[in-house]
Every structure is written in C-alpha cells, then in structure tokens.
Amino acid sequence: MAGARDRKRAQRQKRKRRSSDATRGPAETPEANAGIAETNGGGAAPESFQERMARRYEERNAEARAKLEPLAKGERPTAVTVGAVVSAVLAIVFSVSAVLAIAGVDAGGRDIK
C-alpha cells in the first residue's frame, strides 16, 4: 500500500513541476531575469513574489513600531499587574492544597489519598 501511495505522490509532484515550468516562459526564469537586468543597464533584478511580500510586511511593521510609545521607567500595563497578582494567588492556592493533600487532610468527607 505504501508503495502505491509513494508512486502517486511522486507522479503528482512531477506534474506540478512540469506545470510550473510550462507556465514560466524562458524569459521568466531567474537566470534569464539576471541576464536581462545586466543587459538593460545593470539595474537590479526584479523581486520575486516572496521578496516583495517580505518587504511590504516589513514596511507595515516599521510603521506600526513608529506609532508605539515607550513606557516610562517602572511603568507596567494594568493587564500585566493583574496577571501577576492572579498567578501569585493561584500559586499559593495550589501550594496549600498540595501540602494538605500530602498531609492527608479529609476534603469534604472523602479521603484524598
């Protein structure tokens, strides 16, 4: 069974490679683009889709970072302070319940052991 599945996967990958090669003409290959850029005045080769998207995302991130205001020294957002207090309370509750469980304290008429 695994052999047939692997064969089908390999055939599917071959078809994908052929179709992507067929849609990309000879002038659209990266090697051809580099040659064209060199012959047309030495300009930079055109960006790939991934490079263009990465550049756009980085521009958006830079704009968002520029809008942020840094916190003053010692200043914390309220959510961080509340989260720290809740975490401390839960840690104390769990620690106390663990100690009581180890000591064998009866909880609600049932034995915890």
PDB file of N, CA and C in Angstrom:
ATOM      1  N   MET A   1       0.806  -1.189   0.000  1.00  0.00           N
ATOM      2  CA  MET A   1       0.000   0.000   0.000  1.00  0.00           C
ATOM      3  C   MET A   1       0.851   1.254   0.000  1.00  0.00           C
ATOM      4  N   ALA A   2       1.866   1.281   0.834  1.00  0.00           N
ATOM      5  CA  ALA A   2       2.695   2.481   0.927  1.00  0.00           C
ATOM      6  C   ALA A   2       3.424   2.731  -0.391  1.00  0.00           C
ATOM      7  N   GLY A   3       3.772   1.680  -1.110  1.00  0.00           N
ATOM      8  CA  GLY A   3       4.469   1.843  -2.380  1.00  0.00           C
ATOM      9  C   GLY A   3       3.606   2.558  -3.405  1.00  0.00           C
ATOM     10  N   ALA A   4       2.322   2.194  -3.470  1.00  0.00           N
ATOM     11  CA  ALA A   4       1.406   2.833  -4.419  1.00  0.00           C
ATOM     12  C   ALA A   4       1.208   4.293  -4.049  1.00  0.00           C
ATOM     13  N   ARG A   5       1.111   4.565  -2.781  1.00  0.00           N
ATOM     14  CA  ARG A   5       0.926   5.940  -2.321  1.00  0.00           C
ATOM     15  C   ARG A   5       2.146   6.788  -2.675  1.00  0.00           C
ATOM     16  N   ASP A   6       3.324   6.230  -2.466  1.00  0.00           N
ATOM     17  CA  ASP A   6       4.550   6.957  -2.802  1.00  0.00           C
ATOM     18  C   ASP A   6       4.653   7.221  -4.297  1.00  0.00           C
ATOM     19  N   ARG A   7       4.261   6.215  -5.107  1.00  0.00           N
ATOM     20  CA  ARG A   7       4.288   6.401  -6.566  1.00  0.00           C
ATOM     21  C   ARG A   7       3.343   7.511  -6.993  1.00  0.00           C
ATOM     22  N   LYS A   8       2.132   7.499  -6.440  1.00  0.00           N
ATOM     23  CA  LYS A   8       1.162   8.542  -6.791  1.00  0.00           C
ATOM     24  C   LYS A   8       1.666   9.913  -6.382  1.00  0.00           C
ATOM     25  N   ARG A   9       2.290  10.001  -5.211  1.00  0.00           N
ATOM     26  CA  ARG A   9       2.830  11.281  -4.750  1.00  0.00           C
ATOM     27  C   ARG A   9       3.932  11.754  -5.677  1.00  0.00           C
ATOM     28  N   ALA A  10       4.805  10.846  -6.081  1.00  0.00           N
ATOM     29  CA  ALA A  10       5.901  11.216  -6.986  1.00  0.00           C
ATOM     30  C   ALA A  10       5.359  11.685  -8.330  1.00  0.00           C
ATOM     31  N   GLN A  11       4.330  11.000  -8.848  1.00  0.00           N
ATOM     32  CA  GLN A  11       3.734  11.413 -10.117  1.00  0.00           C
ATOM     33  C   GLN A  11       3.081  12.784  -9.997  1.00  0.00           C
ATOM     34  N   ARG A  12       2.411  13.016  -8.882  1.00  0.00           N
ATOM     35  CA  ARG A  12       1.765  14.313  -8.657  1.00  0.00           C
ATOM     36  C   ARG A  12       2.800  15.431  -8.594  1.00  0.00           C
ATOM     37  N   GLN A  13       3.913  15.173  -7.917  1.00  0.00           N
ATOM     38  CA  GLN A  13       4.974  16.179  -7.830  1.00  0.00           C
ATOM     39  C   GLN A  13       5.585  16.464  -9.198  1.00  0.00           C
ATOM     40  N   LYS A  14       5.738  15.415 -10.020  1.00  0.00           N
ATOM     41  CA  LYS A  14       6.265  15.614 -11.378  1.00  0.00           C
ATOM     42  C   LYS A  14       5.329  16.495 -12.182  1.00  0.00           C
ATOM     43  N   ARG A  15       4.010  16.222 -12.077  1.00  0.00           N
ATOM     44  CA  ARG A  15       3.045  17.031 -12.825  1.00  0.00           C
ATOM     45  C   ARG A  15       3.099  18.486 -12.369  1.00  0.00           C
ATOM     46  N   LYS A  16       3.223  18.692 -11.075  1.00  0.00           N
ATOM     47  CA  LYS A  16       3.299  20.065 -10.560  1.00  0.00           C
ATOM     48  C   LYS A  16       4.537  20.779 -11.093  1.00  0.00           C
ATOM     49  N   ARG A  17       5.670  20.058 -11.093  1.00  0.00           N
ATOM     50  CA  ARG A  17       6.908  20.680 -11.609  1.00  0.00           C
ATOM     51  C   ARG A  17       6.760  21.016 -13.084  1.00  0.00           C
ATOM     52  N   ARG A  18       6.174  20.089 -13.852  1.00  0.00           N
ATOM     53  CA  ARG A  18       6.006  20.345 -15.286  1.00  0.00           C
ATOM     54  C   ARG A  18       5.078  21.520 -15.528  1.00  0.00           C
ATOM     55  N   SER A  19       3.986  21.595 -14.772  1.00  0.00           N
ATOM     56  CA  SER A  19       3.035  22.686 -14.997  1.00  0.00           C
ATOM     57  C   SER A  19       3.642  24.023 -14.593  1.00  0.00           C
ATOM     58  N   SER A  20       4.445  24.054 -13.527  1.00  0.00           N
ATOM     59  CA  SER A  20       5.067  25.323 -13.139  1.00  0.00           C
ATOM     60  C   SER A  20       6.154  25.716 -14.139  1.00  0.00           C
ATOM     61  N   ASP A  21       6.858  24.728 -14.706  1.00  0.00           N
ATOM     62  CA  ASP A  21       7.857  25.037 -15.726  1.00  0.00           C
ATOM     63  C   ASP A  21       7.198  25.509 -17.012  1.00  0.00           C
ATOM     64  N   ALA A  22       6.007  24.956 -17.333  1.00  0.00           N
ATOM     65  CA  ALA A  22       5.314  25.339 -18.561  1.00  0.00           C
ATOM     66  C   ALA A  22       4.756  26.757 -18.450  1.00  0.00           C
ATOM     67  N   THR A  23       4.288  27.150 -17.267  1.00  0.00           N
ATOM     68  CA  THR A  23       3.738  28.495 -17.110  1.00  0.00           C
ATOM     69  C   THR A  23       4.840  29.542 -17.073  1.00  0.00           C
ATOM     70  N   ARG A  24       6.015  29.145 -16.680  1.00  0.00           N
ATOM     71  CA  ARG A  24       7.141  30.067 -16.632  1.00  0.00           C
ATOM     72  C   ARG A  24       7.862  29.990 -17.973  1.00  0.00           C
ATOM     73  N   GLY A  25       7.776  31.065 -18.711  1.00  0.00           N
ATOM     74  CA  GLY A  25       8.421  31.095 -20.025  1.00  0.00           C
ATOM     75  C   GLY A  25       9.922  31.184 -19.886  1.00  0.00           C
ATOM     76  N   PRO A  26      10.645  31.101 -20.994  1.00  0.00           N
ATOM     77  CA  PRO A  26      12.103  31.153 -20.921  1.00  0.00           C
ATOM     78  C   PRO A  26      12.614  32.489 -20.399  1.00  0.00           C
ATOM     79  N   ALA A  27      11.878  33.577 -20.610  1.00  0.00           N
ATOM     80  CA  ALA A  27      12.336  34.877 -20.130  1.00  0.00           C
ATOM     81  C   ALA A  27      12.011  35.079 -18.660  1.00  0.00           C
ATOM     82  N   GLU A  28      11.202  34.188 -18.073  1.00  0.00           N
ATOM     83  CA  GLU A  28      10.806  34.362 -16.687  1.00  0.00           C
ATOM     84  C   GLU A  28      11.659  33.571 -15.715  1.00  0.00           C
ATOM     85  N   THR A  29      12.586  32.798 -16.168  1.00  0.00           N
ATOM     86  CA  THR A  29      13.431  32.049 -15.256  1.00  0.00           C
ATOM     87  C   THR A  29      14.374  33.007 -14.550  1.00  0.00           C
ATOM     88  N   PRO A  30      14.776  32.712 -13.328  1.00  0.00           N
ATOM     89  CA  PRO A  30      15.661  33.619 -12.603  1.00  0.00           C
ATOM     90  C   PRO A  30      16.972  33.892 -13.346  1.00  0.00           C
ATOM     91  N   GLU A  31      17.504  32.867 -14.006  1.00  0.00           N
ATOM     92  CA  GLU A  31      18.758  33.063 -14.723  1.00  0.00           C
ATOM     93  C   GLU A  31      18.547  34.046 -15.881  1.00  0.00           C
ATOM     94  N   ALA A  32      17.427  33.911 -16.562  1.00  0.00           N
ATOM     95  CA  ALA A  32      17.143  34.819 -17.687  1.00  0.00           C
ATOM     96  C   ALA A  32      16.904  36.226 -17.174  1.00  0.00           C
ATOM     97  N   ASN A  33      16.223  36.362 -16.051  1.00  0.00           N
ATOM     98  CA  ASN A  33      15.973  37.693 -15.495  1.00  0.00           C
ATOM     99  C   ASN A  33      17.278  38.369 -15.118  1.00  0.00           C
ATOM    100  N   ALA A  34      18.224  37.614 -14.563  1.00  0.00           N
ATOM    101  CA  ALA A  34      19.511  38.197 -14.199  1.00  0.00           C
ATOM    102  C   ALA A  34      20.236  38.677 -15.448  1.00  0.00           C
ATOM    103  N   GLY A  35      20.155  37.890 -16.518  1.00  0.00           N
ATOM    104  CA  GLY A  35      20.803  38.280 -17.761  1.00  0.00           C
ATOM    105  C   GLY A  35      20.161  39.512 -18.368  1.00  0.00           C
ATOM    106  N   ILE A  36      18.841  39.599 -18.321  1.00  0.00           N
ATOM    107  CA  ILE A  36      18.134  40.753 -18.864  1.00  0.00           C
ATOM    108  C   ILE A  36      18.492  42.006 -18.072  1.00  0.00           C
ATOM    109  N   ALA A  37      18.538  41.889 -16.745  1.00  0.00           N
ATOM    110  CA  ALA A  37      18.851  43.047 -15.920  1.00  0.00           C
ATOM    111  C   ALA A  37      20.256  43.558 -16.218  1.00  0.00           C
ATOM    112  N   GLU A  38      21.173  42.630 -16.464  1.00  0.00           N
ATOM    113  CA  GLU A  38      22.539  43.052 -16.752  1.00  0.00           C
ATOM    114  C   GLU A  38      22.625  43.751 -18.106  1.00  0.00           C
ATOM    115  N   THR A  39      21.863  43.271 -19.089  1.00  0.00           N
ATOM    116  CA  THR A  39      21.947  43.864 -20.416  1.00  0.00           C
ATOM    117  C   THR A  39      21.144  45.151 -20.522  1.00  0.00           C
ATOM    118  N   ASN A  40      20.190  45.385 -19.631  1.00  0.00           N
ATOM    119  CA  ASN A  40      19.366  46.589 -19.694  1.00  0.00           C
ATOM    120  C   ASN A  40      19.898  47.678 -18.776  1.00  0.00           C
ATOM    121  N   GLY A  41      21.135  47.897 -18.714  1.00  0.00           N
ATOM    122  CA  GLY A  41      21.690  48.995 -17.934  1.00  0.00           C
ATOM    123  C   GLY A  41      22.197  48.596 -16.572  1.00  0.00           C
ATOM    124  N   GLY A  42      22.223  47.323 -16.263  1.00  0.00           N
ATOM    125  CA  GLY A  42      22.807  46.870 -14.999  1.00  0.00           C
ATOM    126  C   GLY A  42      21.918  47.112 -13.798  1.00  0.00           C
ATOM    127  N   GLY A  43      20.624  47.339 -13.991  1.00  0.00           N
ATOM    128  CA  GLY A  43      19.718  47.539 -12.864  1.00  0.00           C
ATOM    129  C   GLY A  43      19.554  46.268 -12.070  1.00  0.00           C
ATOM    130  N   ALA A  44      18.891  46.401 -10.939  1.00  0.00           N
ATOM    131  CA  ALA A  44      18.669  45.245 -10.080  1.00  0.00           C
ATOM    132  C   ALA A  44      17.657  44.309 -10.722  1.00  0.00           C
ATOM    133  N   ALA A  45      17.814  43.031 -10.462  1.00  0.00           N
ATOM    134  CA  ALA A  45      16.882  42.036 -10.982  1.00  0.00           C
ATOM    135  C   ALA A  45      15.531  42.246 -10.312  1.00  0.00           C
ATOM    136  N   PRO A  46      14.423  41.945 -10.997  1.00  0.00           N
ATOM    137  CA  PRO A  46      13.104  42.125 -10.391  1.00  0.00           C
ATOM    138  C   PRO A  46      12.937  41.245  -9.156  1.00  0.00           C
ATOM    139  N   GLU A  47      12.135  41.735  -8.211  1.00  0.00           N
ATOM    140  CA  GLU A  47      11.906  40.997  -6.978  1.00  0.00           C
ATOM    141  C   GLU A  47      11.001  39.804  -7.236  1.00  0.00           C
ATOM    142  N   SER A  48      11.226  38.756  -6.486  1.00  0.00           N
ATOM    143  CA  SER A  48      10.309  37.627  -6.545  1.00  0.00           C
ATOM    144  C   SER A  48       9.087  37.973  -5.693  1.00  0.00           C
ATOM    145  N   PHE A  49       8.059  37.167  -5.794  1.00  0.00           N
ATOM    146  CA  PHE A  49       6.843  37.408  -5.025  1.00  0.00           C
ATOM    147  C   PHE A  49       7.137  37.384  -3.525  1.00  0.00           C
ATOM    148  N   GLN A  50       7.927  36.411  -3.070  1.00  0.00           N
ATOM    149  CA  GLN A  50       8.244  36.302  -1.652  1.00  0.00           C
ATOM    150  C   GLN A  50       9.022  37.512  -1.165  1.00  0.00           C
ATOM    151  N   GLU A  51       9.967  37.977  -1.959  1.00  0.00           N
ATOM    152  CA  GLU A  51      10.753  39.149  -1.566  1.00  0.00           C
ATOM    153  C   GLU A  51       9.871  40.393  -1.481  1.00  0.00           C
ATOM    154  N   ARG A  52       8.962  40.526  -2.445  1.00  0.00           N
ATOM    155  CA  ARG A  52       8.066  41.679  -2.465  1.00  0.00           C
ATOM    156  C   ARG A  52       7.149  41.660  -1.236  1.00  0.00           C
ATOM    157  N   MET A  53       6.600  40.485  -0.903  1.00  0.00           N
ATOM    158  CA  MET A  53       5.719  40.378   0.262  1.00  0.00           C
ATOM    159  C   MET A  53       6.491  40.623   1.558  1.00  0.00           C
ATOM    160  N   ALA A  54       7.709  40.107   1.651  1.00  0.00           N
ATOM    161  CA  ALA A  54       8.522  40.321   2.850  1.00  0.00           C
ATOM    162  C   ALA A  54       8.810  41.807   3.033  1.00  0.00           C
ATOM    163  N   ARG A  55       9.098  42.498   1.935  1.00  0.00           N
ATOM    164  CA  ARG A  55       9.376  43.931   2.012  1.00  0.00           C
ATOM    165  C   ARG A  55       8.132  44.690   2.465  1.00  0.00           C
ATOM    166  N   ARG A  56       6.968  44.332   1.937  1.00  0.00           N
ATOM    167  CA  ARG A  56       5.723  45.002   2.333  1.00  0.00           C
ATOM    168  C   ARG A  56       5.423  44.784   3.811  1.00  0.00           C
ATOM    169  N   TYR A  57       5.568  43.537   4.275  1.00  0.00           N
ATOM    170  CA  TYR A  57       5.310  43.256   5.686  1.00  0.00           C
ATOM    171  C   TYR A  57       6.275  44.026   6.580  1.00  0.00           C
ATOM    172  N   GLU A  58       7.513  44.109   6.174  1.00  0.00           N
ATOM    173  CA  GLU A  58       8.495  44.841   6.984  1.00  0.00           C
ATOM    174  C   GLU A  58       8.161  46.327   7.021  1.00  0.00           C
ATOM    175  N   GLU A  59       7.677  46.872   5.903  1.00  0.00           N
ATOM    176  CA  GLU A  59       7.272  48.281   5.889  1.00  0.00           C
ATOM    177  C   GLU A  59       6.106  48.512   6.841  1.00  0.00           C
ATOM    178  N   ARG A  60       5.126  47.610   6.825  1.00  0.00           N
ATOM    179  CA  ARG A  60       3.981  47.732   7.739  1.00  0.00           C
ATOM    180  C   ARG A  60       4.429  47.623   9.189  1.00  0.00           C
ATOM    181  N   ASN A  61       5.327  46.685   9.470  1.00  0.00           N
ATOM    182  CA  ASN A  61       5.836  46.533  10.836  1.00  0.00           C
ATOM    183  C   ASN A  61       6.571  47.785  11.288  1.00  0.00           C
ATOM    184  N   ALA A  62       7.360  48.377  10.396  1.00  0.00           N
ATOM    185  CA  ALA A  62       8.101  49.590  10.750  1.00  0.00           C
ATOM    186  C   ALA A  62       7.137  50.736  11.055  1.00  0.00           C
ATOM    187  N   GLU A  63       6.051  50.857  10.275  1.00  0.00           N
ATOM    188  CA  GLU A  63       5.056  51.896  10.548  1.00  0.00           C
ATOM    189  C   GLU A  63       4.395  51.670  11.905  1.00  0.00           C
ATOM    190  N   ALA A  64       4.054  50.421  12.207  1.00  0.00           N
ATOM    191  CA  ALA A  64       3.423  50.120  13.493  1.00  0.00           C
ATOM    192  C   ALA A  64       4.378  50.405  14.645  1.00  0.00           C
ATOM    193  N   ARG A  65       5.655  50.063  14.496  1.00  0.00           N
ATOM    194  CA  ARG A  65       6.637  50.340  15.550  1.00  0.00           C
ATOM    195  C   ARG A  65       6.810  51.833  15.774  1.00  0.00           C
ATOM    196  N   ALA A  66       6.738  52.625  14.692  1.00  0.00           N
ATOM    197  CA  ALA A  66       6.910  54.075  14.813  1.00  0.00           C
ATOM    198  C   ALA A  66       5.760  54.698  15.600  1.00  0.00           C
ATOM    199  N   LYS A  67       4.561  54.095  15.543  1.00  0.00           N
ATOM    200  CA  LYS A  67       3.400  54.633  16.248  1.00  0.00           C
ATOM    201  C   LYS A  67       3.416  54.312  17.736  1.00  0.00           C
ATOM    202  N   LEU A  68       4.192  53.325  18.154  1.00  0.00           N
ATOM    203  CA  LEU A  68       4.220  52.913  19.557  1.00  0.00           C
ATOM    204  C   LEU A  68       4.925  53.946  20.422  1.00  0.00           C
ATOM    205  N   GLU A  69       4.437  54.081  21.649  1.00  0.00           N
ATOM    206  CA  GLU A  69       5.083  54.963  22.616  1.00  0.00           C
ATOM    207  C   GLU A  69       5.724  54.103  23.696  1.00  0.00           C
ATOM    208  N   PRO A  70       6.987  54.330  24.005  1.00  0.00           N
ATOM    209  CA  PRO A  70       7.633  53.510  25.038  1.00  0.00           C
ATOM    210  C   PRO A  70       7.072  53.826  26.419  1.00  0.00           C
ATOM    211  N   LEU A  71       7.069  52.812  27.284  1.00  0.00           N
ATOM    212  CA  LEU A  71       6.605  53.006  28.654  1.00  0.00           C
ATOM    213  C   LEU A  71       7.672  53.722  29.470  1.00  0.00           C
ATOM    214  N   ALA A  72       7.213  54.463  30.454  1.00  0.00           N
ATOM    215  CA  ALA A  72       8.155  55.138  31.354  1.00  0.00           C
ATOM    216  C   ALA A  72       8.823  54.085  32.239  1.00  0.00           C
ATOM    217  N   LYS A  73       9.944  54.467  32.821  1.00  0.00           N
ATOM    218  CA  LYS A  73      10.677  53.527  33.664  1.00  0.00           C
ATOM    219  C   LYS A  73       9.818  53.130  34.857  1.00  0.00           C
ATOM    220  N   GLY A  74       9.655  51.829  35.073  1.00  0.00           N
ATOM    221  CA  GLY A  74       8.852  51.315  36.178  1.00  0.00           C
ATOM    222  C   GLY A  74       7.367  51.229  35.866  1.00  0.00           C
ATOM    223  N   GLU A  75       6.942  51.692  34.717  1.00  0.00           N
ATOM    224  CA  GLU A  75       5.525  51.652  34.350  1.00  0.00           C
ATOM    225  C   GLU A  75       5.191  50.298  33.728  1.00  0.00           C
ATOM    226  N   ARG A  76       4.044  49.737  34.129  1.00  0.00           N
ATOM    227  CA  ARG A  76       3.594  48.463  33.572  1.00  0.00           C
ATOM    228  C   ARG A  76       2.140  48.596  33.159  1.00  0.00           C
ATOM    229  N   PRO A  77       1.748  47.886  32.110  1.00  0.00           N
ATOM    230  CA  PRO A  77       0.330  47.874  31.748  1.00  0.00           C
ATOM    231  C   PRO A  77      -0.487  47.200  32.847  1.00  0.00           C
ATOM    232  N   THR A  78      -1.731  47.619  33.018  1.00  0.00           N
ATOM    233  CA  THR A  78      -2.597  47.081  34.063  1.00  0.00           C
ATOM    234  C   THR A  78      -2.784  45.579  33.902  1.00  0.00           C
ATOM    235  N   ALA A  79      -2.902  45.110  32.670  1.00  0.00           N
ATOM    236  CA  ALA A  79      -3.121  43.679  32.438  1.00  0.00           C
ATOM    237  C   ALA A  79      -1.965  42.841  32.971  1.00  0.00           C
ATOM    238  N   VAL A  80      -0.758  43.353  32.867  1.00  0.00           N
ATOM    239  CA  VAL A  80       0.409  42.619  33.364  1.00  0.00           C
ATOM    240  C   VAL A  80       0.372  42.533  34.886  1.00  0.00           C
ATOM    241  N   THR A  81       0.010  43.632  35.544  1.00  0.00           N
ATOM    242  CA  THR A  81      -0.064  43.645  37.003  1.00  0.00           C
ATOM    243  C   THR A  81      -1.156  42.702  37.496  1.00  0.00           C
ATOM    244  N   VAL A  82      -2.338  42.755  36.866  1.00  0.00           N
ATOM    245  CA  VAL A  82      -3.442  41.871  37.255  1.00  0.00           C
ATOM    246  C   VAL A  82      -3.048  40.411  37.033  1.00  0.00           C
ATOM    247  N   GLY A  83      -2.401  40.124  35.921  1.00  0.00           N
ATOM    248  CA  GLY A  83      -1.962  38.762  35.646  1.00  0.00           C
ATOM    249  C   GLY A  83      -0.976  38.251  36.676  1.00  0.00           C
ATOM    250  N   ALA A  84      -0.072  39.114  37.117  1.00  0.00           N
ATOM    251  CA  ALA A  84       0.902  38.706  38.135  1.00  0.00           C
ATOM    252  C   ALA A  84       0.212  38.410  39.460  1.00  0.00           C
ATOM    253  N   VAL A  85      -0.769  39.231  39.836  1.00  0.00           N
ATOM    254  CA  VAL A  85      -1.490  39.018  41.098  1.00  0.00           C
ATOM    255  C   VAL A  85      -2.287  37.714  41.033  1.00  0.00           C
ATOM    256  N   VAL A  86      -2.998  37.476  39.932  1.00  0.00           N
ATOM    257  CA  VAL A  86      -3.779  36.249  39.789  1.00  0.00           C
ATOM    258  C   VAL A  86      -2.863  35.028  39.823  1.00  0.00           C
ATOM    259  N   SER A  87      -1.725  35.110  39.156  1.00  0.00           N
ATOM    260  CA  SER A  87      -0.776  33.990  39.162  1.00  0.00           C
ATOM    261  C   SER A  87      -0.252  33.710  40.561  1.00  0.00           C
ATOM    262  N   ALA A  88       0.029  34.755  41.319  1.00  0.00           N
ATOM    263  CA  ALA A  88       0.527  34.574  42.689  1.00  0.00           C
ATOM    264  C   ALA A  88      -0.539  33.914  43.559  1.00  0.00           C
ATOM    265  N   VAL A  89      -1.788  34.369  43.434  1.00  0.00           N
ATOM    266  CA  VAL A  89      -2.871  33.778  44.234  1.00  0.00           C
ATOM    267  C   VAL A  89      -3.049  32.308  43.870  1.00  0.00           C
ATOM    268  N   LEU A  90      -3.059  31.984  42.576  1.00  0.00           N
ATOM    269  CA  LEU A  90      -3.195  30.582  42.172  1.00  0.00           C
ATOM    270  C   LEU A  90      -2.028  29.734  42.672  1.00  0.00           C
ATOM    271  N   ALA A  91      -0.826  30.274  42.631  1.00  0.00           N
ATOM    272  CA  ALA A  91       0.337  29.528  43.120  1.00  0.00           C
ATOM    273  C   ALA A  91       0.188  29.223  44.611  1.00  0.00           C
ATOM    274  N   ILE A  92      -0.310  30.182  45.367  1.00  0.00           N
ATOM    275  CA  ILE A  92      -0.494  29.967  46.808  1.00  0.00           C
ATOM    276  C   ILE A  92      -1.576  28.914  47.037  1.00  0.00           C
ATOM    277  N   VAL A  93      -2.695  29.001  46.314  1.00  0.00           N
ATOM    278  CA  VAL A  93      -3.791  28.039  46.480  1.00  0.00           C
ATOM    279  C   VAL A  93      -3.310  26.627  46.144  1.00  0.00           C
ATOM    280  N   PHE A  94      -2.613  26.475  45.025  1.00  0.00           N
ATOM    281  CA  PHE A  94      -2.134  25.145  44.651  1.00  0.00           C
ATOM    282  C   PHE A  94      -1.097  24.616  45.633  1.00  0.00           C
ATOM    283  N   SER A  95      -0.245  25.465  46.124  1.00  0.00           N
ATOM    284  CA  SER A  95       0.773  25.025  47.095  1.00  0.00           C
ATOM    285  C   SER A  95       0.112  24.547  48.380  1.00  0.00           C
ATOM    286  N   VAL A  96      -0.855  25.329  48.868  1.00  0.00           N
ATOM    287  CA  VAL A  96      -1.541  24.945  50.110  1.00  0.00           C
ATOM    288  C   VAL A  96      -2.314  23.646  49.905  1.00  0.00           C
ATOM    289  N   SER A  97      -3.003  23.502  48.765  1.00  0.00           N
ATOM    290  CA  SER A  97      -3.760  22.270  48.533  1.00  0.00           C
ATOM    291  C   SER A  97      -2.828  21.063  48.392  1.00  0.00           C
ATOM    292  N   ALA A  98      -1.660  21.252  47.822  1.00  0.00           N
ATOM    293  CA  ALA A  98      -0.702  20.155  47.708  1.00  0.00           C
ATOM    294  C   ALA A  98      -0.197  19.733  49.086  1.00  0.00           C
ATOM    295  N   VAL A  99       0.095  20.701  49.940  1.00  0.00           N
ATOM    296  CA  VAL A  99       0.562  20.390  51.299  1.00  0.00           C
ATOM    297  C   VAL A  99      -0.532  19.657  52.061  1.00  0.00           C
ATOM    298  N   LEU A 100      -1.790  20.121  51.934  1.00  0.00           N
ATOM    299  CA  LEU A 100      -2.896  19.463  52.632  1.00  0.00           C
ATOM    300  C   LEU A 100      -3.118  18.052  52.092  1.00  0.00           C
ATOM    301  N   ALA A 101      -2.943  17.844  50.803  1.00  0.00           N
ATOM    302  CA  ALA A 101      -3.116  16.516  50.219  1.00  0.00           C
ATOM    303  C   ALA A 101      -2.034  15.568  50.708  1.00  0.00           C
ATOM    304  N   ILE A 102      -0.832  16.073  50.813  1.00  0.00           N
ATOM    305  CA  ILE A 102       0.270  15.235  51.302  1.00  0.00           C
ATOM    306  C   ILE A 102       0.073  14.895  52.765  1.00  0.00           C
ATOM    307  N   ALA A 103      -0.477  15.840  53.534  1.00  0.00           N
ATOM    308  CA  ALA A 103      -0.702  15.605  54.960  1.00  0.00           C
ATOM    309  C   ALA A 103      -1.884  14.675  55.193  1.00  0.00           C
ATOM    310  N   GLY A 104      -2.705  14.445  54.161  1.00  0.00           N
ATOM    311  CA  GLY A 104      -3.826  13.509  54.304  1.00  0.00           C
ATOM    312  C   GLY A 104      -5.045  14.145  54.922  1.00  0.00           C
ATOM    313  N   VAL A 105      -5.275  15.419  54.735  1.00  0.00           N
ATOM    314  CA  VAL A 105      -6.434  16.086  55.294  1.00  0.00           C
ATOM    315  C   VAL A 105      -7.681  15.639  54.544  1.00  0.00           C
ATOM    316  N   ASP A 106      -8.767  15.402  55.279  1.00  0.00           N
ATOM    317  CA  ASP A 106     -10.026  14.961  54.695  1.00  0.00           C
ATOM    318  C   ASP A 106     -10.700  16.150  54.007  1.00  0.00           C
ATOM    319  N   ALA A 107     -11.090  15.965  52.758  1.00  0.00           N
ATOM    320  CA  ALA A 107     -11.695  17.056  51.995  1.00  0.00           C
ATOM    321  C   ALA A 107     -13.134  16.695  51.670  1.00  0.00           C
ATOM    322  N   GLY A 108     -14.078  17.288  52.374  1.00  0.00           N
ATOM    323  CA  GLY A 108     -15.477  17.093  52.068  1.00  0.00           C
ATOM    324  C   GLY A 108     -15.961  15.671  52.328  1.00  0.00           C
ATOM    325  N   GLY A 109     -15.445  15.004  53.295  1.00  0.00           N
ATOM    326  CA  GLY A 109     -15.897  13.670  53.615  1.00  0.00           C
ATOM    327  C   GLY A 109     -15.238  12.576  52.774  1.00  0.00           C
ATOM    328  N   ARG A 110     -14.369  12.949  51.866  1.00  0.00           N
ATOM    329  CA  ARG A 110     -13.690  11.950  51.040  1.00  0.00           C
ATOM    330  C   ARG A 110     -12.201  11.961  51.383  1.00  0.00           C
ATOM    331  N   ASP A 111     -11.608  10.803  51.263  1.00  0.00           N
ATOM    332  CA  ASP A 111     -10.180  10.696  51.507  1.00  0.00           C
ATOM    333  C   ASP A 111      -9.446  11.014  50.205  1.00  0.00           C
ATOM    334  N   ILE A 112      -8.482  11.917  50.234  1.00  0.00           N
ATOM    335  CA  ILE A 112      -7.777  12.366  49.040  1.00  0.00           C
ATOM    336  C   ILE A 112      -6.763  11.328  48.574  1.00  0.00           C
ATOM    337  N   LYS A 113      -6.271  10.511  49.439  1.00  0.00           N
ATOM    338  CA  LYS A 113      -5.218   9.556  49.081  1.00  0.00           C
ATOM    339  C   LYS A 113      -5.652   8.652  48.053  1.00  0.00           C
TER     340      LYS A 113
END
